[in-house]
Protein backbone atom coordinates (compact mmCIF):
# COMPACT_ATOMS: atom_id res chain seq x y z
CA MET A 1 45.62 -24.22 -15.40
CA LEU A 2 43.11 -22.66 -17.81
CA ALA A 3 43.75 -25.29 -20.43
CA ALA A 4 43.17 -28.09 -17.90
CA ALA A 5 40.09 -26.32 -16.60
CA TRP A 6 38.74 -26.13 -20.14
CA VAL A 7 39.25 -29.88 -20.65
CA VAL A 8 37.35 -30.67 -17.46
CA ALA A 9 34.61 -28.22 -18.23
CA ARG A 10 34.10 -29.61 -21.82
CA ARG A 11 34.10 -33.22 -20.47
CA ASP A 12 31.49 -32.51 -17.80
CA PHE A 13 29.35 -30.27 -20.02
CA THR A 14 29.17 -32.78 -22.83
CA ALA A 15 28.52 -35.68 -20.41
CA ILE A 16 25.61 -33.90 -18.75
CA LEU A 17 24.13 -32.27 -21.78
CA PHE A 18 23.81 -35.49 -23.76
CA SER A 19 22.62 -37.66 -20.81
CA ARG A 20 19.13 -38.87 -20.13
CA THR A 21 18.98 -37.00 -16.90
CA PHE A 22 19.24 -33.64 -18.66
CA PHE A 23 15.84 -34.14 -20.20
CA PHE A 24 14.30 -34.58 -16.70
CA PHE A 25 16.33 -31.58 -15.61
CA LEU A 26 14.57 -29.50 -18.19
CA LEU A 27 11.20 -30.84 -16.99
CA GLY A 28 12.00 -29.79 -13.42
CA PRO A 29 10.22 -26.38 -13.42
CA LEU A 30 7.20 -27.98 -15.07
CA PHE A 31 6.12 -29.78 -11.92
CA PRO A 32 5.83 -26.67 -9.68
CA VAL A 33 3.87 -25.02 -12.41
CA ILE A 34 1.45 -27.91 -12.68
CA VAL A 35 1.17 -28.05 -8.87
CA GLY A 36 0.48 -24.31 -8.81
CA VAL A 37 -2.24 -24.56 -11.47
CA LEU A 38 -3.97 -27.48 -9.69
CA ALA A 39 -3.75 -25.81 -6.40
CA GLY A 40 -5.21 -22.57 -7.85
CA SER A 41 -8.12 -24.44 -9.50
CA VAL A 42 -8.87 -26.35 -6.34
CA GLY A 43 -8.76 -23.19 -4.32
CA ASN A 44 -11.13 -21.48 -6.64
CA ARG A 45 -13.46 -24.39 -6.54
CA VAL A 46 -13.41 -24.45 -2.73
CA ALA A 47 -13.98 -20.63 -2.66
CA GLU A 48 -16.91 -20.94 -5.03
CA SER A 49 -18.48 -23.85 -3.16
CA GLY A 50 -17.96 -22.14 0.21
CA ALA A 51 -19.12 -18.72 -0.84
CA GLY A 52 -22.51 -17.94 0.73
CA PRO A 53 -24.68 -14.85 1.23
CA SER A 54 -22.80 -12.28 3.23
CA ILE A 55 -25.91 -10.70 4.61
CA ALA A 56 -29.19 -12.51 5.22
CA VAL A 57 -32.28 -10.27 4.76
CA VAL A 58 -35.00 -11.06 7.31
CA MET A 59 -37.78 -8.62 6.40
CA GLN A 60 -41.29 -8.64 5.05
CA GLU A 61 -41.42 -10.18 1.59
CA GLY A 62 -41.83 -6.91 -0.31
CA ASP A 63 -39.17 -5.08 1.62
CA ALA A 64 -36.71 -7.98 1.25
CA ARG A 65 -37.27 -8.23 -2.43
CA ALA A 66 -36.77 -4.43 -2.75
CA MET A 67 -33.44 -4.61 -0.88
CA VAL A 68 -32.08 -7.43 -3.11
CA GLN A 69 -33.21 -5.62 -6.33
CA ALA A 70 -31.64 -2.32 -5.08
CA ARG A 71 -28.37 -4.08 -4.32
CA ASP A 72 -28.26 -5.73 -7.81
CA ALA A 73 -29.06 -2.41 -9.46
CA LEU A 74 -26.24 -0.63 -7.67
CA ALA A 75 -23.81 -3.51 -8.33
CA ASP A 76 -24.32 -3.09 -12.09
CA ARG A 77 -22.83 0.34 -11.75
CA LEU A 78 -20.47 0.12 -8.78
CA GLY A 79 -19.20 -3.43 -9.31
CA GLU A 80 -19.26 -6.48 -7.08
CA GLY A 81 -17.72 -4.68 -4.12
CA LEU A 82 -21.14 -4.45 -2.46
CA PRO A 83 -22.02 -7.22 0.05
CA ARG A 84 -24.26 -10.01 -1.22
CA LEU A 85 -27.83 -10.14 0.00
CA ALA A 86 -30.04 -13.18 0.21
CA VAL A 87 -33.57 -13.48 1.60
CA ALA A 88 -33.98 -15.74 4.76
CA ALA A 89 -37.04 -16.83 6.60
CA ASP A 90 -35.71 -16.06 10.05
CA GLU A 91 -32.47 -15.47 11.91
CA ALA A 92 -32.07 -19.16 12.74
CA SER A 93 -32.15 -20.27 9.11
CA ALA A 94 -29.71 -17.35 8.24
CA THR A 95 -27.25 -18.59 10.87
CA ARG A 96 -27.42 -22.16 9.53
CA GLY A 97 -26.85 -20.83 6.02
CA GLY A 98 -23.56 -19.25 7.03
CA ALA A 99 -24.52 -15.65 6.68
CA GLY A 100 -22.06 -13.05 8.05
CA ALA A 101 -24.80 -10.74 9.31
CA VAL A 102 -28.53 -10.45 9.51
CA LEU A 103 -30.40 -7.44 8.12
CA SER A 104 -33.86 -6.90 9.68
CA GLY A 105 -36.36 -3.98 10.19
CA SER A 106 -37.36 -2.14 6.98
CA PRO A 107 -35.73 -0.09 4.22
CA ALA A 108 -36.70 3.06 6.17
CA ALA A 109 -35.18 1.78 9.43
CA PRO A 110 -32.73 -1.09 8.75
CA VAL A 111 -31.14 -3.09 11.58
CA LEU A 112 -27.85 -4.80 10.90
CA SER A 113 -26.84 -7.40 13.52
CA GLY A 114 -23.62 -9.51 13.62
CA PRO A 115 -20.04 -9.27 14.68
CA SER A 116 -19.07 -5.67 15.39
CA ALA A 117 -15.97 -5.63 13.07
CA GLN A 118 -18.15 -6.98 10.24
CA ILE A 119 -21.22 -4.84 10.52
CA GLU A 120 -19.24 -1.56 10.93
CA GLY A 121 -17.64 -2.15 7.57
CA TRP A 122 -21.02 -2.88 5.90
CA SER A 123 -23.06 -0.05 7.50
CA GLY A 124 -22.40 2.42 4.71
CA ASP A 125 -23.21 -0.02 1.94
CA VAL A 126 -26.43 -1.17 3.68
CA ALA A 127 -27.52 2.47 4.15
CA MET A 128 -26.98 3.17 0.46
CA ILE A 129 -28.86 0.02 -0.56
CA ALA A 130 -31.74 0.88 1.85
CA ALA A 131 -31.94 4.35 0.42
CA GLN A 132 -32.12 2.98 -3.09
CA ALA A 133 -34.78 0.44 -2.07
CA ARG A 134 -37.04 3.28 -0.99
CA GLU A 135 -36.97 4.73 -4.58
CA ASP A 136 -38.99 3.17 -7.38
CA SER A 137 -36.12 3.32 -9.95
CA LEU A 138 -32.45 4.04 -10.08
CA ARG A 139 -31.82 7.60 -10.94
CA SER A 140 -29.65 8.54 -13.91
CA TRP A 141 -26.08 9.46 -13.20
CA PRO A 142 -24.04 11.97 -15.21
CA ARG A 143 -21.56 10.54 -17.68
CA VAL A 144 -17.91 11.35 -16.77
CA ARG A 145 -15.82 12.55 -19.73
CA LEU A 146 -12.23 11.19 -19.59
CA GLU A 147 -9.34 13.39 -20.72
CA PRO A 148 -6.02 11.46 -20.55
CA LYS A 149 -2.99 13.67 -20.28
CA GLY A 150 0.73 12.71 -20.25
CA ASP A 151 2.34 9.35 -19.95
CA ALA A 152 0.58 7.04 -17.46
CA ARG A 153 3.63 4.82 -16.94
CA PRO A 154 5.35 5.57 -13.59
CA THR A 155 9.04 6.24 -13.94
CA ASP A 156 10.06 7.43 -10.44
CA ARG A 157 12.35 5.51 -8.10
CA ARG A 158 9.57 4.17 -5.95
CA SER A 159 7.72 2.58 -8.82
CA ARG A 160 10.92 0.90 -10.05
CA LEU A 161 11.04 -1.09 -6.72
CA LYS A 162 8.60 -3.59 -8.28
CA THR A 163 11.02 -4.24 -11.19
CA ALA A 164 13.94 -4.51 -8.76
CA GLN A 165 12.13 -6.84 -6.46
CA GLY A 166 11.04 -9.06 -9.34
CA ALA A 167 14.55 -9.20 -10.73
CA GLN A 168 16.02 -10.05 -7.35
CA THR A 169 13.45 -12.77 -6.69
CA LEU A 170 13.95 -14.42 -10.02
CA LEU A 171 17.78 -14.31 -9.66
CA PHE A 172 17.56 -15.93 -6.15
CA LEU A 173 15.21 -18.70 -7.25
CA LEU A 174 17.33 -19.56 -10.27
CA THR A 175 20.51 -19.54 -8.26
CA MET A 176 19.24 -21.72 -5.40
CA MET A 177 17.51 -24.16 -7.79
CA LEU A 178 20.49 -24.66 -10.06
CA ALA A 179 23.53 -24.18 -7.81
CA GLY A 180 22.68 -27.33 -5.85
CA MET A 181 23.63 -29.51 -8.81
CA VAL A 182 27.32 -29.09 -8.03
CA LEU A 183 26.84 -30.55 -4.51
CA SER A 184 26.94 -34.18 -5.52
CA ASN A 185 29.29 -33.80 -8.47
CA LEU A 186 32.54 -34.56 -6.55
CA VAL A 187 30.89 -37.04 -4.24
CA GLU A 188 30.22 -39.34 -7.13
CA GLU A 189 33.72 -39.00 -8.58
CA LYS A 190 35.28 -39.52 -5.17
CA GLY A 191 33.38 -42.74 -4.92
CA ASN A 192 34.59 -44.17 -8.30
CA LYS A 193 38.15 -42.80 -7.76
CA ILE A 194 37.99 -40.47 -10.87
CA ILE A 195 38.87 -37.49 -8.71
CA GLU A 196 42.17 -39.11 -7.73
CA VAL A 197 43.11 -39.55 -11.39
CA LEU A 198 42.24 -35.92 -12.09
CA ALA A 199 44.15 -34.69 -9.06
CA ALA A 200 47.23 -36.57 -10.11
CA ALA A 201 47.15 -35.18 -13.64
CA ILE A 202 46.10 -31.58 -13.25
CA PRO A 203 45.91 -28.94 -10.46
CA MET A 204 42.82 -29.12 -8.21
CA GLU A 205 42.02 -25.47 -9.06
CA SER A 206 41.55 -26.61 -12.69
CA VAL A 207 39.17 -29.36 -11.58
CA PHE A 208 37.16 -26.94 -9.50
CA PHE A 209 36.99 -24.27 -12.20
CA GLY A 210 36.17 -26.77 -14.89
CA LYS A 211 33.36 -28.35 -12.96
CA LEU A 212 31.96 -24.87 -11.92
CA PHE A 213 31.87 -23.57 -15.45
CA ALA A 214 30.48 -26.87 -16.86
CA MET A 215 27.57 -26.71 -14.51
CA LEU A 216 27.11 -23.05 -15.20
CA GLY A 217 26.98 -23.81 -18.92
CA VAL A 218 24.33 -26.49 -18.34
CA SER A 219 22.29 -24.15 -16.18
CA LEU A 220 22.39 -21.40 -18.89
CA VAL A 221 21.27 -23.87 -21.49
CA GLY A 222 18.37 -24.87 -19.25
CA ILE A 223 17.42 -21.24 -18.59
CA ALA A 224 17.55 -20.60 -22.42
CA VAL A 225 15.21 -23.47 -23.08
CA TRP A 226 12.78 -22.47 -20.27
CA ALA A 227 12.77 -18.84 -21.53
CA ALA A 228 12.02 -19.88 -25.14
CA VAL A 229 9.19 -22.12 -24.04
CA GLY A 230 7.79 -19.64 -21.57
CA ALA A 231 8.14 -16.56 -23.75
CA PRO A 232 4.44 -16.46 -24.69
CA VAL A 233 3.44 -16.73 -21.10
CA LEU A 234 5.89 -14.00 -20.06
CA MET A 235 4.59 -11.70 -22.81
CA ALA A 236 1.02 -12.24 -21.74
CA ALA A 237 1.94 -11.63 -18.08
CA SER A 238 3.79 -8.45 -18.98
CA ALA A 239 0.81 -7.18 -20.93
CA THR A 240 -1.66 -7.74 -18.03
CA LEU A 241 0.74 -6.69 -15.24
CA PRO A 242 3.24 -4.29 -16.78
CA LEU A 243 6.36 -3.54 -14.78
CA PRO A 244 7.93 -0.04 -14.77
CA GLU A 245 10.94 0.24 -17.12
CA PRO A 246 14.24 -0.12 -15.20
CA ALA A 247 16.65 2.79 -15.09
CA VAL A 248 19.23 1.06 -17.35
CA GLY A 249 16.57 -0.20 -19.84
CA TRP A 250 15.23 -3.72 -20.33
CA PRO A 251 18.04 -4.97 -22.68
CA MET A 252 20.78 -3.86 -20.26
CA LEU A 253 18.85 -5.25 -17.24
CA VAL A 254 18.51 -8.63 -18.97
CA GLY A 255 22.20 -8.64 -19.82
CA LEU A 256 23.24 -7.67 -16.32
CA GLY A 257 20.86 -10.29 -14.98
CA VAL A 258 22.65 -13.02 -17.01
CA VAL A 259 25.95 -11.83 -15.79
CA TYR A 260 24.98 -11.47 -12.13
CA PHE A 261 23.38 -14.94 -12.32
CA ALA A 262 26.69 -16.33 -13.43
CA MET A 263 28.55 -14.63 -10.61
CA ALA A 264 26.02 -15.68 -7.94
CA TYR A 265 26.11 -19.21 -9.36
CA LEU A 266 29.91 -19.30 -9.29
CA LEU A 267 30.05 -17.80 -5.71
CA LEU A 268 27.54 -20.21 -4.23
CA GLY A 269 28.65 -23.10 -6.41
CA SER A 270 32.27 -22.77 -5.27
CA VAL A 271 31.19 -23.16 -1.68
CA PHE A 272 28.86 -26.11 -2.62
CA LEU A 273 31.64 -27.70 -4.58
CA SER A 274 34.03 -27.49 -1.54
CA ILE A 275 31.32 -29.05 0.64
CA GLY A 276 30.75 -31.81 -1.90
CA SER A 277 34.44 -32.56 -2.18
CA LEU A 278 34.84 -33.01 1.64
CA ALA A 279 31.70 -35.15 2.08
CA ASN A 280 31.75 -38.87 1.55
CA THR A 281 27.99 -39.57 1.27
CA VAL A 282 24.98 -37.69 -0.02
CA ARG A 283 23.66 -37.42 3.57
CA GLU A 284 26.79 -35.52 4.66
CA VAL A 285 26.34 -33.23 1.68
CA GLN A 286 22.78 -32.36 2.75
CA THR A 287 23.83 -31.90 6.33
CA LEU A 288 26.78 -29.63 5.46
CA SER A 289 24.93 -27.62 2.84
CA MET A 290 21.96 -26.66 5.04
CA PRO A 291 23.84 -23.84 6.95
CA VAL A 292 25.08 -22.39 3.59
CA THR A 293 21.54 -22.40 2.19
CA MET A 294 20.11 -20.66 5.27
CA MET A 295 22.96 -18.15 5.14
CA GLN A 296 22.22 -17.42 1.49
CA LEU A 297 18.53 -16.97 2.31
CA MET A 298 19.36 -14.49 5.02
CA LEU A 299 21.65 -12.51 2.68
CA PHE A 300 18.91 -12.42 0.14
CA PHE A 301 16.54 -10.91 2.68
CA PHE A 302 19.29 -8.47 3.57
CA ALA A 303 19.70 -7.43 -0.02
CA THR A 304 15.98 -7.07 -0.41
CA TYR A 305 15.86 -4.75 2.64
CA ALA A 306 18.87 -2.75 1.29
CA MET A 307 17.01 -2.29 -2.05
CA THR A 308 14.57 -0.03 -0.30
CA GLN A 309 17.36 2.33 0.86
CA PRO A 310 19.38 3.24 -2.17
CA GLY A 311 22.66 5.03 -1.45
CA SER A 312 22.56 4.25 2.23
CA PRO A 313 25.33 2.44 4.16
CA VAL A 314 23.10 -0.67 4.25
CA GLU A 315 22.99 -0.87 0.43
CA ILE A 316 26.70 -0.29 0.18
CA LEU A 317 27.28 -3.15 2.65
CA ALA A 318 24.98 -5.39 0.63
CA ALA A 319 26.92 -4.60 -2.52
CA VAL A 320 30.29 -5.22 -0.79
CA LEU A 321 29.39 -8.67 0.74
CA PRO A 322 30.22 -11.12 -1.99
CA PHE A 323 27.21 -13.42 -1.62
CA SER A 324 24.64 -10.60 -1.55
CA SER A 325 26.40 -8.37 -4.05
CA PRO A 326 24.77 -9.91 -7.20
CA PHE A 327 21.30 -9.38 -5.78
CA ALA A 328 21.99 -5.88 -4.50
CA MET A 329 23.62 -4.70 -7.76
CA LEU A 330 20.86 -6.16 -9.94
CA ALA A 331 18.34 -4.22 -7.88
CA ARG A 332 20.54 -1.10 -8.29
CA ALA A 333 20.46 -1.57 -12.02
CA ALA A 334 16.64 -1.31 -11.96
CA GLN A 335 16.79 1.89 -9.89
CA GLU A 336 19.94 3.75 -10.99
CA PRO A 337 21.18 4.28 -14.60
CA ALA A 338 24.98 4.40 -13.75
CA LEU A 339 26.92 1.49 -15.19
CA LEU A 340 30.42 2.14 -13.64
CA PRO A 341 29.51 0.66 -10.25
CA HIS A 342 28.59 -2.60 -12.00
CA VAL A 343 32.05 -2.89 -13.53
CA ALA A 344 33.58 -2.53 -10.10
CA ALA A 345 31.15 -5.01 -8.51
CA LEU A 346 31.79 -7.67 -11.19
CA ALA A 347 35.55 -7.31 -10.63
CA TRP A 348 35.07 -7.62 -6.93
CA GLN A 349 32.87 -10.74 -7.35
CA THR A 350 35.33 -12.31 -9.78
CA LEU A 351 38.10 -11.87 -7.19
CA TRP A 352 36.02 -13.64 -4.56
CA VAL A 353 35.24 -16.56 -6.93
CA PHE A 354 38.93 -17.07 -7.49
CA LEU A 355 39.66 -16.90 -3.75
CA LEU A 356 36.88 -19.34 -2.92
CA VAL A 357 37.93 -21.85 -5.57
CA LYS A 358 41.57 -21.53 -4.44
CA GLY A 359 40.63 -22.05 -0.80
CA GLY A 360 38.28 -25.01 -1.59
CA ALA A 361 41.04 -26.72 -3.68
CA THR A 362 43.63 -26.21 -0.97
CA LEU A 363 41.25 -27.55 1.67
CA PHE A 364 40.44 -30.56 -0.54
CA ARG A 365 44.12 -31.40 -1.06
CA LYS A 366 44.86 -31.22 2.68
CA ARG A 367 41.76 -32.90 4.04
CA ALA A 368 40.46 -35.21 1.40
CA MET A 369 43.65 -36.10 -0.63
CA LYS A 370 45.86 -36.11 2.48
CA SER A 371 48.52 -34.06 0.72
CA GLY A 372 49.30 -31.64 3.54
CA PRO A 373 52.56 -31.53 5.54
CA GLN A 374 53.75 -34.87 6.42
CA GLY A 375 53.57 -35.94 10.09
CA GLY A 376 50.96 -33.35 10.78
CA GLY A 377 48.74 -35.86 12.57
CA ARG A 378 51.40 -36.69 15.29
CA PRO A 379 52.16 -34.56 18.35
CA TRP A 380 55.39 -32.49 18.05
CA TRP A 381 57.18 -34.45 20.80
CA ARG A 382 56.66 -37.80 18.98
CA ARG A 383 57.99 -36.20 15.76
CA ALA A 384 61.03 -34.90 17.56
CA ARG A 385 61.71 -38.24 19.20
CA ALA A 386 61.57 -39.97 15.84
């Protein structure tokens, strides 16, 4: 069975890897990145064009100028967290300009009018700006001497949740994006009768295993190419937004991530392969695969919730359920240094891959190839009469 599975895997892997569609498969993640960059630039442009003065100052000319200058002087030291001020002729022009509130009166007795939720949050900033406007110059502030002590990198369990969540999300996205390739694999071969030749020559378990591992190999090649191309971007992102070091270390976490991706791919792919073997058209494949996709999404949310409760019965259940086990165990690797539970989890997941492939092949033989018990479609009294 293993020799036959190797033949099928080598055949499918070579056919896909050297096909024209593999190049477009590699370009697949590029389109979401381009859309994200374009959406971000358009959003920034809209935000810049729509940004107006937060508070319109309706005061005498000298008082209004003093308030704006005081705000700018404080912003140089405190940053841009202070509300923006702009001089307006009257309240009507301020409203037409889109101001969030109107500041009137004088620096000695400022009056802030506008929505209650808005002006309550700005009252302290306006009072500080008004107090500074009453002074001729900004007073000198003492310089704070910094004395860094110890390691600033967080290493506790709570801080590692960010690493666990990032690893879980990346594993889920890669699994859902790549596992769908096996859906239409058997549909095409059922249409051109290749599957009948394979079923007559080798066991169906070999066909299923061969196709699963072939698609897994293609997916790993694609991930390797994407990682090589995106390595500079990942390094820049890790420098600007560093993640806490996982409990097992980065090399071990990456290795476990590859292994758990393979297991998650094989588990979900075996179900998708069974669906594709029973469907006759692409429309049937899409209809039958929707419940499986929604189930996997719910299990991912369950594993994410279990990640926040390490050692609890919820986390243990997430690690035992086969389809959520890779996500739960990868998050555990980021939070706990023990490696023995991963050996047990991988053995458990491997058993479920074998059972799912065995069940899918049996179902395919009985339903699609019509190789079940003869006479099963007739009532028992007709078979007895015959």
